[in-house]
Each structure stands twice: as C-alpha cells, then as structure tokens.
Amino acid sequence: MANNDGMQPGPTLASPSTTELTFNSSSSELIFLFNWAKDLALSYVMTGTPNTIPCYEAALPGRGSFCLRDWEHMAPGAHFLGLDLENITMMKAFAKTATPEFDYVPAWHIDYYGKIWERAHQVPTIFDAIWASYQQYLWTGNTEWIQDAVLYEYYTNAVTCYLARHDNAIPNNGIADAPGEDGWENTCTYNETSEDHFREAADGIGMQYQGFRSYAEILKARGNVDDYNIWMAKANDILHMFRTDFWEGSTYYRGRRSLIDYSAGYGKENSFLMLQTLITEPGRKSEDYLDFIWDNCSNDNIEAKSY
C-alpha cells in the first residue's frame, strides 16, 4: 500500500534506525525533503528484525531482498546514513555466492536472512562490486574491506577466474562479455530493455576499467606494489582500447557484437555510465556526449533513472 507521496512504506522494524546526518539550508522546503528522504531510506533497514542479517532493502520495494546492482549504487548513501555494518555484511553475503559452480557469478538477490533469492548475470555488476567496495574502504577507513579473506577472494576471482570464463563471445580480448541474448538475466549491460544483442557494452567495459583500478589500489593498500603496477597497466589498456575502438568519429559507440559490428545511438546505462566510469576522453568529446544523453534520457525506465 502506497503512502500519499506515492512511495511504498518500508518494513516494520524491531527498533527504528537512526543517523546523525543533518542538512541545513535557507530553504525550509529543502530541509523538509531531505529529512523525508532520510527517514524513508532508514525505514528500509532490516537490522534488528529477528533472524535477519544486518541489511537494508536494496531492490524494488516489497521484494524482501537486496540486489547486487542496487546495493552497488546505494552503498555510498547508506554509508552517510550510518549503515556501514549493513554495507559490509551485504557485500560479504554476495561474495560468498560467487563460486566456481556458477562461473564466479554472485547471486543477484539475497533475502534478509542471507539466503540466495535469485541468480542472474549482468557483466557490469561483477566489477562494480569491486569499485563500490574500494570506495567504502576509502570512505570508512575500515581495513576489513581490503583484508577480509572472503572479500579479497571475490575481488581476485572477479579479475581472474571470472574473466577467464566470460571472455568467449568475442574471444580472448581481455574484456568480459555475454552471449548477446536480449533480456536482463545474462547480459553484458545494465540496460535491461536492450535489443541490441551486444556481446560487449560500454557500461561493462567502464565497470571493468574501474574494477581493475580498484583492485590495483587494494593491492597497493595491502603492500603489494608490484602487482599494483601490473593491474593498473591492465586498467589503462582497457581505457586506451575504449577511447580508440569505441570512438565513431563524431560520437561514442555504446556496444559491439563483434570486433567489426558496433552500434552508437542512445542506450540508457550503456550510454551514460561511460561518463560515470570515466572512460570517455575529457573535454569536448565528453561534453558533447553529455549533451546527447541529456537530450535523450527523458523516457528512461526506473532502473536507469535510479542513477
């Protein structure tokens, strides 16, 4: 049942979550909206409810679970709401499910009790998880994000074993790919409405670039400078490849079906996440592409709009 504001109410908690986060402004309306949004977000925290793990709902309301993709871009906001325990607990829950049996692909949804609720495979999530985790390390200073055995095994497997098993659709070019199926359950892009049959997409490539960079930084923070240099060089190779191969001459391609079959145009996440992952060239090329996104994003679906 929806509130008057159209939002679904959060679950009933054993005890409400709190945060010290405040916002000051000369605008009383902005203060009201900030407090409304903060309280609504905290109403989805499940920590303290009997038999649940420390977590919050990161999915469309009512699913009773948290989704890997949604957690990845909700985690920074959750940090500022004081939900650091929830963030690391949720990421550990995902990391434990990325086993060889499932080609190192983690679960898509996990329920509040820490059980697998659904499996799916979207290439960007694999590397986005490393990037999101490293950002949490930077925000919190909690070395568990880089030292915990379960998390570190996930990061390492993602850039090695996972990649080895998902570099087949466009074989052995060092970019994670998917078979080119439509739909959202086994795809190389976050665009869940794509009909492009892409095997490699710009958002997946961008997340792999940031995932490799984050893995390199994690290695350096653990004292492994030699491997830091190796993985940062691999990340820079991805950046150079994209800026060379995916530049059409006047705009960026957003995906490819083979090494000679590319598509440009607007593709929601496989367009705008190029900019968020910093794989486009700074300056006029990126500025023009940002204008192009702005002119085409008004009809995005809810998943795309959530960014």
Foldseek 3Di string as FASTA:
>chain_A
DADPVRARAADDEPDFAAAPDADDDPDPVVRVVVVVVLRRQSSQFHPRHPLFAGAGDQDRPPPQWHFLVSLLVCVVVCVNRVSLRHSVVVLLLQLVQLDVVVQRAGAGIAHRNSHRDGRFDALLSLLSSLLSLLVSCVVPVPCCSLPVPSNVVSLVCSQPRSQVVQQPLQHDPSAGFFVLDQAGRTGHFPQRHDPGSFGHFQLSLLSVLSSLLSNLVSCVVVPNPVVSVVSPVVSVVSLVCQQPQQAPPQAGFGGASYSPGTHRDDRQRSQPSNVVSVSYDPDPRVVVSVVRCVVPVPPPDPSSVVD
